[in-house]
């Protein structure tokens, strides 16, 4: 290969590398956004604004339940994700929903409802054992015969129905979130509500 050919080949390689550099996106600064605003990366699954919106709607509706708000004594309620079943086609952290409902309802109820942290029962039992053994004192609130039982528990189900148009690549998903409050003595459903939405997108995103 003569010198001219070598020079031309080197110039071509340099030009290709420069073109690739120009096409490579530069790093951008992280931007904080309102959690209730639409995501810039949009798909057909449950997004941040959906979680914020549904949790707020359920919390507000629970504030109208007579069994909770008008009881002579503050009713005891469990709100966690244990019996909130995900039967949908997407992966979602259920606690993002139930935690938000519990925290906001606890703040809004103003002491009219007692929230039981059943998921922390093992931790509470360990502390009670320490008190019973005399290794620590009884604290300032006194002793009880047992941990608090609950009157009601929030349960629910997530379901979806998906469709895909193979000609256009457009995906569609109908999502339905069911929320119910169960009487833990009788098994009666004292409150129910739904949150639903349908989305379409040609290029779906991956949710984690």
Foldseek 3Di string as FASTA:
>chain_A
DDPVVVVVVVVVVVVVVVVVVVVDDDDDDDDDDDQLDDDPADFWDDGSNNLVVVLVVVLVVVCPQCVQQVDPAAFEEEFAAPQAEEPEPADDDCRSRRVSNVVVNVVVSPRSHHYDPVVCQVVVVVVVVCCVVVVDPQPDPDDDPGDDDGQKYKHWYKYKDKDADVVQQKIKMKIKIKIFIAGPPPRDTRDIDMDIDMDIDNDGDHDD
